[in-house]
N, C-alpha and C. Protein backbone atom coordinates (compact mmCIF):
# COMPACT_ATOMS: atom_id res chain seq x y z
N MET A 1 15.89 -19.14 -5.90
CA MET A 1 14.95 -18.41 -5.08
C MET A 1 13.54 -18.65 -5.66
N SER A 2 12.61 -19.01 -4.80
CA SER A 2 11.24 -19.24 -5.25
C SER A 2 10.52 -17.92 -5.51
N ASN A 3 9.38 -18.00 -6.16
CA ASN A 3 8.57 -16.79 -6.39
C ASN A 3 8.15 -16.16 -5.06
N ALA A 4 7.76 -16.98 -4.11
CA ALA A 4 7.34 -16.46 -2.80
C ALA A 4 8.49 -15.75 -2.10
N GLU A 5 9.68 -16.32 -2.17
CA GLU A 5 10.85 -15.68 -1.56
C GLU A 5 11.20 -14.37 -2.26
N PHE A 6 11.10 -14.38 -3.58
CA PHE A 6 11.39 -13.17 -4.34
C PHE A 6 10.39 -12.07 -3.99
N PHE A 7 9.11 -12.43 -3.89
CA PHE A 7 8.10 -11.46 -3.52
C PHE A 7 8.38 -10.88 -2.13
N ALA A 8 8.68 -11.75 -1.17
CA ALA A 8 8.95 -11.28 0.20
C ALA A 8 10.13 -10.30 0.20
N LYS A 9 11.16 -10.61 -0.58
CA LYS A 9 12.33 -9.74 -0.67
C LYS A 9 11.97 -8.39 -1.30
N LYS A 10 11.21 -8.41 -2.39
CA LYS A 10 10.84 -7.15 -3.07
C LYS A 10 9.88 -6.33 -2.21
N LEU A 11 8.93 -6.98 -1.56
CA LEU A 11 8.01 -6.26 -0.68
C LEU A 11 8.78 -5.54 0.42
N ALA A 12 9.66 -6.25 1.08
CA ALA A 12 10.45 -5.64 2.16
C ALA A 12 11.29 -4.47 1.64
N ALA A 13 11.79 -4.58 0.42
CA ALA A 13 12.60 -3.51 -0.15
C ALA A 13 11.78 -2.27 -0.49
N GLU A 14 10.49 -2.44 -0.79
CA GLU A 14 9.62 -1.31 -1.13
C GLU A 14 9.08 -0.56 0.08
N ILE A 15 9.01 -1.20 1.22
CA ILE A 15 8.39 -0.61 2.42
C ILE A 15 8.99 0.74 2.79
N PRO A 16 10.32 0.90 2.82
CA PRO A 16 10.87 2.22 3.21
C PRO A 16 10.41 3.35 2.28
N ALA A 17 10.30 3.09 0.98
CA ALA A 17 9.86 4.15 0.06
C ALA A 17 8.41 4.52 0.33
N PHE A 18 7.56 3.53 0.60
CA PHE A 18 6.17 3.83 0.97
C PHE A 18 6.14 4.73 2.21
N ALA A 19 6.88 4.33 3.22
CA ALA A 19 6.88 5.08 4.49
C ALA A 19 7.38 6.51 4.28
N LYS A 20 8.42 6.70 3.46
CA LYS A 20 8.94 8.05 3.20
C LYS A 20 7.91 8.92 2.50
N VAL A 21 7.20 8.36 1.53
CA VAL A 21 6.20 9.14 0.80
C VAL A 21 5.07 9.54 1.74
N ILE A 22 4.59 8.61 2.54
CA ILE A 22 3.50 8.94 3.48
C ILE A 22 3.96 10.03 4.44
N ARG A 23 5.15 9.87 5.00
CA ARG A 23 5.64 10.84 6.00
C ARG A 23 6.03 12.19 5.38
N ALA A 24 6.19 12.24 4.06
CA ALA A 24 6.53 13.51 3.39
C ALA A 24 5.30 14.39 3.18
N LEU A 25 4.11 13.84 3.38
CA LEU A 25 2.89 14.64 3.20
C LEU A 25 2.81 15.72 4.27
N PRO A 26 2.55 16.95 3.90
CA PRO A 26 2.32 17.97 4.93
C PRO A 26 1.03 17.64 5.68
N GLY A 27 1.16 17.41 6.97
CA GLY A 27 0.03 16.97 7.79
C GLY A 27 -1.13 17.94 7.86
N ASN A 28 -0.87 19.20 7.58
CA ASN A 28 -1.94 20.21 7.64
C ASN A 28 -2.66 20.37 6.31
N ARG A 29 -2.30 19.56 5.31
CA ARG A 29 -2.92 19.66 3.98
C ARG A 29 -3.46 18.32 3.49
N LEU A 30 -3.81 17.44 4.41
CA LEU A 30 -4.21 16.09 4.02
C LEU A 30 -5.48 16.03 3.19
N ASP A 31 -6.24 17.11 3.18
CA ASP A 31 -7.46 17.14 2.37
C ASP A 31 -7.15 17.50 0.91
N TYR A 32 -5.89 17.75 0.58
CA TYR A 32 -5.50 18.15 -0.77
C TYR A 32 -5.91 17.09 -1.79
N ARG A 33 -6.42 17.57 -2.91
CA ARG A 33 -6.67 16.75 -4.10
C ARG A 33 -6.44 17.64 -5.30
N PRO A 34 -5.75 17.13 -6.34
CA PRO A 34 -5.43 17.98 -7.48
C PRO A 34 -6.64 18.32 -8.36
N HIS A 35 -7.71 17.60 -8.21
CA HIS A 35 -8.92 17.81 -9.00
C HIS A 35 -10.09 17.29 -8.17
N GLU A 36 -11.28 17.84 -8.38
CA GLU A 36 -12.42 17.41 -7.56
C GLU A 36 -12.74 15.93 -7.72
N ARG A 37 -12.34 15.32 -8.83
CA ARG A 37 -12.59 13.89 -9.02
C ARG A 37 -11.45 13.03 -8.48
N SER A 38 -10.37 13.64 -8.02
CA SER A 38 -9.22 12.91 -7.50
C SER A 38 -9.44 12.51 -6.05
N THR A 39 -8.79 11.45 -5.65
CA THR A 39 -8.80 11.02 -4.26
C THR A 39 -7.93 11.98 -3.45
N SER A 40 -8.35 12.28 -2.23
CA SER A 40 -7.56 13.19 -1.38
C SER A 40 -6.30 12.49 -0.88
N ALA A 41 -5.34 13.30 -0.45
CA ALA A 41 -4.06 12.77 0.03
C ALA A 41 -4.26 11.83 1.22
N ASN A 42 -5.11 12.21 2.17
CA ASN A 42 -5.29 11.33 3.33
C ASN A 42 -5.96 10.02 2.93
N GLN A 43 -6.88 10.07 1.99
CA GLN A 43 -7.52 8.83 1.54
C GLN A 43 -6.53 7.91 0.82
N LEU A 44 -5.65 8.49 0.00
CA LEU A 44 -4.64 7.68 -0.68
C LEU A 44 -3.65 7.08 0.30
N ALA A 45 -3.19 7.88 1.25
CA ALA A 45 -2.24 7.37 2.24
C ALA A 45 -2.89 6.26 3.06
N TRP A 46 -4.16 6.45 3.43
CA TRP A 46 -4.87 5.43 4.19
C TRP A 46 -5.08 4.17 3.35
N GLN A 47 -5.33 4.35 2.06
CA GLN A 47 -5.48 3.19 1.18
C GLN A 47 -4.21 2.35 1.20
N LEU A 48 -3.05 2.99 1.18
CA LEU A 48 -1.80 2.24 1.23
C LEU A 48 -1.67 1.47 2.54
N ALA A 49 -2.03 2.11 3.64
CA ALA A 49 -1.96 1.44 4.94
C ALA A 49 -2.93 0.27 5.00
N TYR A 50 -4.13 0.49 4.53
CA TYR A 50 -5.17 -0.53 4.60
C TYR A 50 -4.89 -1.67 3.62
N GLU A 51 -4.34 -1.33 2.45
CA GLU A 51 -4.04 -2.36 1.47
C GLU A 51 -2.92 -3.28 1.96
N MET A 52 -1.99 -2.75 2.76
CA MET A 52 -0.96 -3.62 3.36
C MET A 52 -1.60 -4.64 4.29
N LYS A 53 -2.60 -4.20 5.05
CA LYS A 53 -3.32 -5.11 5.94
C LYS A 53 -4.05 -6.17 5.12
N ASP A 54 -4.70 -5.74 4.04
CA ASP A 54 -5.40 -6.69 3.17
C ASP A 54 -4.42 -7.69 2.55
N LEU A 55 -3.24 -7.21 2.16
CA LEU A 55 -2.22 -8.09 1.59
C LEU A 55 -1.81 -9.16 2.60
N ALA A 56 -1.61 -8.77 3.84
CA ALA A 56 -1.25 -9.74 4.88
C ALA A 56 -2.34 -10.80 5.01
N GLY A 57 -3.59 -10.36 5.08
CA GLY A 57 -4.70 -11.31 5.19
C GLY A 57 -4.81 -12.21 3.97
N LEU A 58 -4.60 -11.65 2.80
CA LEU A 58 -4.64 -12.42 1.57
C LEU A 58 -3.62 -13.56 1.60
N ILE A 59 -2.40 -13.24 1.99
CA ILE A 59 -1.35 -14.26 2.02
C ILE A 59 -1.65 -15.29 3.11
N GLU A 60 -2.14 -14.83 4.25
CA GLU A 60 -2.40 -15.74 5.37
C GLU A 60 -3.57 -16.68 5.12
N ASN A 61 -4.67 -16.17 4.53
CA ASN A 61 -5.85 -17.03 4.43
C ASN A 61 -6.49 -17.07 3.04
N GLY A 62 -5.86 -16.46 2.04
CA GLY A 62 -6.36 -16.55 0.68
C GLY A 62 -7.55 -15.66 0.36
N THR A 63 -7.89 -14.74 1.26
CA THR A 63 -9.01 -13.83 0.98
C THR A 63 -8.65 -12.41 1.37
N ALA A 64 -9.21 -11.49 0.62
CA ALA A 64 -9.12 -10.07 0.96
C ALA A 64 -10.48 -9.47 0.63
N VAL A 65 -10.98 -8.66 1.53
CA VAL A 65 -12.29 -8.03 1.34
C VAL A 65 -12.12 -6.53 1.49
N TYR A 66 -12.43 -5.80 0.43
CA TYR A 66 -12.41 -4.34 0.49
C TYR A 66 -13.80 -3.88 0.91
N VAL A 67 -13.82 -3.10 1.96
CA VAL A 67 -15.08 -2.55 2.44
C VAL A 67 -15.04 -1.04 2.19
N PRO A 68 -15.80 -0.56 1.20
CA PRO A 68 -15.79 0.87 0.90
C PRO A 68 -16.27 1.69 2.10
N GLY A 69 -15.76 2.92 2.18
CA GLY A 69 -16.23 3.84 3.20
C GLY A 69 -15.59 3.68 4.56
N GLN A 70 -14.45 3.01 4.64
CA GLN A 70 -13.76 2.89 5.92
C GLN A 70 -13.37 4.28 6.42
N PRO A 71 -13.53 4.54 7.71
CA PRO A 71 -13.13 5.86 8.22
C PRO A 71 -11.61 6.06 8.10
N VAL A 72 -11.24 7.26 7.72
CA VAL A 72 -9.83 7.61 7.53
C VAL A 72 -9.36 8.36 8.77
N PRO A 73 -8.24 7.94 9.38
CA PRO A 73 -7.72 8.69 10.51
C PRO A 73 -7.48 10.16 10.14
N SER A 74 -7.61 11.03 11.10
CA SER A 74 -7.49 12.45 10.82
C SER A 74 -6.05 12.96 10.84
N SER A 75 -5.13 12.20 11.41
CA SER A 75 -3.76 12.69 11.50
C SER A 75 -2.80 11.83 10.69
N LEU A 76 -1.78 12.48 10.19
CA LEU A 76 -0.74 11.79 9.44
C LEU A 76 -0.03 10.77 10.32
N ASP A 77 0.19 11.10 11.59
CA ASP A 77 0.86 10.16 12.50
C ASP A 77 0.08 8.86 12.63
N GLU A 78 -1.25 8.94 12.71
CA GLU A 78 -2.06 7.73 12.81
C GLU A 78 -1.97 6.90 11.53
N ILE A 79 -2.02 7.56 10.39
CA ILE A 79 -1.93 6.85 9.11
C ILE A 79 -0.56 6.18 8.99
N ALA A 80 0.50 6.92 9.31
CA ALA A 80 1.86 6.37 9.21
C ALA A 80 2.06 5.20 10.16
N ALA A 81 1.54 5.30 11.37
CA ALA A 81 1.66 4.21 12.34
C ALA A 81 0.91 2.97 11.86
N ALA A 82 -0.28 3.17 11.31
CA ALA A 82 -1.04 2.03 10.78
C ALA A 82 -0.30 1.40 9.60
N PHE A 83 0.26 2.25 8.74
CA PHE A 83 1.04 1.71 7.62
C PHE A 83 2.19 0.85 8.13
N ASP A 84 2.97 1.38 9.08
CA ASP A 84 4.12 0.64 9.61
C ASP A 84 3.69 -0.72 10.18
N LYS A 85 2.64 -0.71 10.96
CA LYS A 85 2.14 -1.95 11.58
C LYS A 85 1.69 -2.94 10.51
N ASN A 86 0.90 -2.47 9.56
CA ASN A 86 0.35 -3.35 8.54
C ASN A 86 1.43 -3.83 7.56
N ALA A 87 2.41 -2.98 7.29
CA ALA A 87 3.51 -3.39 6.42
C ALA A 87 4.30 -4.52 7.06
N GLN A 88 4.51 -4.44 8.38
CA GLN A 88 5.22 -5.52 9.06
C GLN A 88 4.41 -6.82 9.02
N LEU A 89 3.09 -6.71 9.17
CA LEU A 89 2.23 -7.89 9.05
C LEU A 89 2.37 -8.51 7.65
N ALA A 90 2.38 -7.67 6.62
CA ALA A 90 2.48 -8.16 5.24
C ALA A 90 3.84 -8.81 4.99
N VAL A 91 4.90 -8.20 5.46
CA VAL A 91 6.24 -8.78 5.29
C VAL A 91 6.33 -10.12 6.00
N ASP A 92 5.82 -10.19 7.22
CA ASP A 92 5.84 -11.46 7.96
C ASP A 92 5.02 -12.52 7.24
N ALA A 93 3.84 -12.15 6.75
CA ALA A 93 2.98 -13.10 6.03
C ALA A 93 3.65 -13.58 4.75
N ALA A 94 4.38 -12.69 4.09
CA ALA A 94 5.01 -13.04 2.81
C ALA A 94 6.07 -14.12 2.96
N LYS A 95 6.51 -14.37 4.15
CA LYS A 95 7.51 -15.42 4.39
C LYS A 95 6.87 -16.80 4.54
N ALA A 96 5.58 -16.92 4.23
CA ALA A 96 4.82 -18.15 4.45
C ALA A 96 5.30 -19.33 3.60
N GLY A 97 5.87 -19.06 2.46
CA GLY A 97 6.39 -20.15 1.64
C GLY A 97 5.57 -20.45 0.40
N GLU A 98 6.15 -21.28 -0.44
CA GLU A 98 5.62 -21.56 -1.77
C GLU A 98 4.28 -22.29 -1.75
N ALA A 99 4.03 -23.15 -0.79
CA ALA A 99 2.77 -23.91 -0.78
C ALA A 99 1.57 -22.96 -0.68
N ARG A 100 1.63 -22.02 0.21
CA ARG A 100 0.54 -21.06 0.36
C ARG A 100 0.46 -20.16 -0.87
N TRP A 101 1.60 -19.82 -1.42
CA TRP A 101 1.71 -18.93 -2.57
C TRP A 101 0.93 -19.48 -3.77
N GLU A 102 0.91 -20.78 -3.92
CA GLU A 102 0.23 -21.42 -5.05
C GLU A 102 -1.25 -21.69 -4.78
N GLY A 103 -1.71 -21.42 -3.56
CA GLY A 103 -3.10 -21.69 -3.20
C GLY A 103 -4.07 -20.70 -3.81
N PRO A 104 -5.37 -21.01 -3.72
CA PRO A 104 -6.39 -20.13 -4.31
C PRO A 104 -6.59 -18.87 -3.49
N ALA A 105 -6.98 -17.81 -4.19
CA ALA A 105 -7.24 -16.52 -3.53
C ALA A 105 -8.49 -15.89 -4.13
N LYS A 106 -9.19 -15.14 -3.27
CA LYS A 106 -10.37 -14.39 -3.71
C LYS A 106 -10.29 -12.98 -3.15
N PHE A 107 -10.63 -12.03 -4.00
CA PHE A 107 -10.73 -10.63 -3.58
C PHE A 107 -12.17 -10.20 -3.78
N SER A 108 -12.74 -9.64 -2.73
CA SER A 108 -14.14 -9.22 -2.78
C SER A 108 -14.25 -7.74 -2.48
N VAL A 109 -15.25 -7.12 -3.08
CA VAL A 109 -15.66 -5.77 -2.72
C VAL A 109 -17.02 -5.97 -2.07
N GLY A 110 -17.04 -5.75 -0.76
CA GLY A 110 -18.26 -6.09 -0.02
C GLY A 110 -18.49 -7.58 -0.12
N ASP A 111 -19.70 -8.01 -0.54
CA ASP A 111 -20.00 -9.45 -0.67
C ASP A 111 -19.70 -10.00 -2.05
N GLN A 112 -19.28 -9.17 -2.98
CA GLN A 112 -19.10 -9.61 -4.36
C GLN A 112 -17.64 -9.95 -4.65
N VAL A 113 -17.41 -11.20 -5.06
CA VAL A 113 -16.07 -11.61 -5.48
C VAL A 113 -15.79 -10.98 -6.84
N VAL A 114 -14.70 -10.21 -6.92
CA VAL A 114 -14.36 -9.51 -8.16
C VAL A 114 -13.08 -10.03 -8.81
N TRP A 115 -12.35 -10.89 -8.08
CA TRP A 115 -11.09 -11.39 -8.63
C TRP A 115 -10.77 -12.71 -7.95
N GLU A 116 -10.46 -13.71 -8.74
CA GLU A 116 -10.00 -14.99 -8.23
C GLU A 116 -8.72 -15.36 -8.96
N ASP A 117 -7.73 -15.84 -8.21
CA ASP A 117 -6.44 -16.19 -8.80
C ASP A 117 -5.68 -16.99 -7.75
N THR A 118 -4.40 -17.18 -7.95
CA THR A 118 -3.57 -17.77 -6.90
C THR A 118 -3.17 -16.66 -5.93
N VAL A 119 -2.79 -17.05 -4.73
CA VAL A 119 -2.31 -16.06 -3.75
C VAL A 119 -1.14 -15.28 -4.33
N GLY A 120 -0.22 -15.98 -4.98
CA GLY A 120 0.96 -15.32 -5.54
C GLY A 120 0.62 -14.28 -6.59
N GLU A 121 -0.22 -14.64 -7.53
CA GLU A 121 -0.60 -13.68 -8.58
C GLU A 121 -1.33 -12.49 -7.98
N MET A 122 -2.20 -12.75 -7.04
CA MET A 122 -2.95 -11.65 -6.43
C MET A 122 -2.04 -10.77 -5.57
N ALA A 123 -1.09 -11.39 -4.85
CA ALA A 123 -0.16 -10.61 -4.04
C ALA A 123 0.64 -9.66 -4.91
N TRP A 124 1.12 -10.13 -6.06
CA TRP A 124 1.83 -9.24 -6.98
C TRP A 124 0.91 -8.13 -7.46
N GLY A 125 -0.34 -8.46 -7.74
CA GLY A 125 -1.30 -7.43 -8.16
C GLY A 125 -1.47 -6.36 -7.10
N PHE A 126 -1.57 -6.80 -5.83
CA PHE A 126 -1.69 -5.84 -4.74
C PHE A 126 -0.46 -4.94 -4.66
N LEU A 127 0.73 -5.54 -4.72
CA LEU A 127 1.95 -4.74 -4.61
C LEU A 127 2.05 -3.74 -5.76
N LEU A 128 1.77 -4.18 -6.97
CA LEU A 128 1.85 -3.26 -8.11
C LEU A 128 0.81 -2.15 -7.99
N ASP A 129 -0.38 -2.46 -7.49
CA ASP A 129 -1.39 -1.43 -7.27
C ASP A 129 -0.91 -0.42 -6.23
N MET A 130 -0.30 -0.91 -5.16
CA MET A 130 0.21 0.00 -4.13
C MET A 130 1.33 0.88 -4.67
N ILE A 131 2.21 0.31 -5.49
CA ILE A 131 3.28 1.11 -6.09
C ILE A 131 2.68 2.20 -6.98
N HIS A 132 1.66 1.84 -7.73
CA HIS A 132 0.96 2.83 -8.56
C HIS A 132 0.41 3.97 -7.70
N HIS A 133 -0.27 3.62 -6.62
CA HIS A 133 -0.86 4.66 -5.77
C HIS A 133 0.20 5.45 -5.01
N ARG A 134 1.33 4.83 -4.71
CA ARG A 134 2.45 5.57 -4.09
C ARG A 134 2.93 6.63 -5.07
N GLY A 135 3.06 6.28 -6.35
CA GLY A 135 3.46 7.25 -7.36
C GLY A 135 2.46 8.38 -7.47
N GLN A 136 1.19 8.01 -7.47
CA GLN A 136 0.13 9.03 -7.51
C GLN A 136 0.26 9.97 -6.32
N LEU A 137 0.42 9.40 -5.14
CA LEU A 137 0.53 10.22 -3.93
C LEU A 137 1.79 11.09 -3.95
N SER A 138 2.87 10.58 -4.52
CA SER A 138 4.11 11.36 -4.56
C SER A 138 3.94 12.64 -5.39
N THR A 139 3.04 12.61 -6.37
CA THR A 139 2.81 13.81 -7.17
C THR A 139 2.02 14.87 -6.42
N TYR A 140 1.40 14.51 -5.33
CA TYR A 140 0.65 15.46 -4.51
C TYR A 140 1.56 16.29 -3.60
N ILE A 141 2.70 15.74 -3.24
CA ILE A 141 3.51 16.31 -2.16
C ILE A 141 3.97 17.74 -2.45
N ARG A 142 4.56 17.97 -3.61
CA ARG A 142 5.08 19.31 -3.92
C ARG A 142 3.96 20.35 -3.97
N PRO A 143 2.83 20.10 -4.65
CA PRO A 143 1.75 21.09 -4.64
C PRO A 143 1.16 21.32 -3.25
N MET A 144 1.34 20.35 -2.36
CA MET A 144 0.87 20.50 -0.98
C MET A 144 1.83 21.34 -0.15
N GLY A 145 3.01 21.63 -0.70
CA GLY A 145 4.00 22.42 0.02
C GLY A 145 5.09 21.59 0.66
N GLY A 146 5.15 20.29 0.34
CA GLY A 146 6.17 19.42 0.91
C GLY A 146 7.31 19.17 -0.05
N LYS A 147 8.24 18.35 0.38
CA LYS A 147 9.39 17.97 -0.43
C LYS A 147 9.26 16.49 -0.77
N VAL A 148 9.39 16.20 -2.07
CA VAL A 148 9.26 14.83 -2.55
C VAL A 148 10.51 14.05 -2.14
N PRO A 149 10.34 12.92 -1.44
CA PRO A 149 11.51 12.13 -1.04
C PRO A 149 12.01 11.28 -2.21
N SER A 150 13.22 10.77 -2.06
CA SER A 150 13.73 9.83 -3.05
C SER A 150 12.92 8.54 -2.93
N ILE A 151 12.67 7.92 -4.07
CA ILE A 151 11.97 6.65 -4.08
C ILE A 151 12.92 5.58 -4.63
N TYR A 152 13.31 5.69 -5.90
CA TYR A 152 14.30 4.77 -6.47
C TYR A 152 15.63 5.46 -6.74
N GLY A 153 15.68 6.73 -6.51
CA GLY A 153 16.88 7.51 -6.70
C GLY A 153 16.57 8.91 -6.22
N PRO A 154 17.51 9.84 -6.34
CA PRO A 154 17.29 11.18 -5.83
C PRO A 154 16.08 11.84 -6.49
N SER A 155 15.38 12.65 -5.72
CA SER A 155 14.28 13.45 -6.27
C SER A 155 14.80 14.86 -6.51
N GLY A 156 14.01 15.67 -7.19
CA GLY A 156 14.37 17.06 -7.40
C GLY A 156 14.44 17.85 -6.11
N ASP A 157 13.83 17.33 -5.05
CA ASP A 157 13.82 18.00 -3.75
C ASP A 157 14.91 17.49 -2.81
N GLU A 158 15.52 16.36 -3.14
CA GLU A 158 16.60 15.79 -2.32
C GLU A 158 17.84 15.67 -3.16
N GLN A 159 18.60 16.74 -3.26
CA GLN A 159 19.82 16.73 -4.07
C GLN A 159 21.01 16.69 -3.17
């Protein structure tokens, strides 16, 4: 199995856990943040949805551009639907094959290139960053009044 194939397989396997965490957020508490310096729940959930779209673009054309200040949808349903759509785009793009995987990639914040690597290395970086933020978001759920879903095994709320 090539690195690109392995990545596509692992990405597809992670998608259901992302979707469960997003959908476990209490929709009436999306402004929740554990500290004033923390990112709010809706912003984190939206980041996951938007980062999936960026991942698809990165794999397809070797570039990803983060534009700060993107408007965040006001409802959990909109965020979850965007995540589902963008996750499917990323999974489809990940099937592109090894040649694209070894190609050059650039990640920019606005007009400034902040990271250059191969598509494959950057794609793994994106996935690991999303897994990190999924974990962060999962810690918000219980204080928000929700039930934490299983991610890699049963949670204390799903026995």
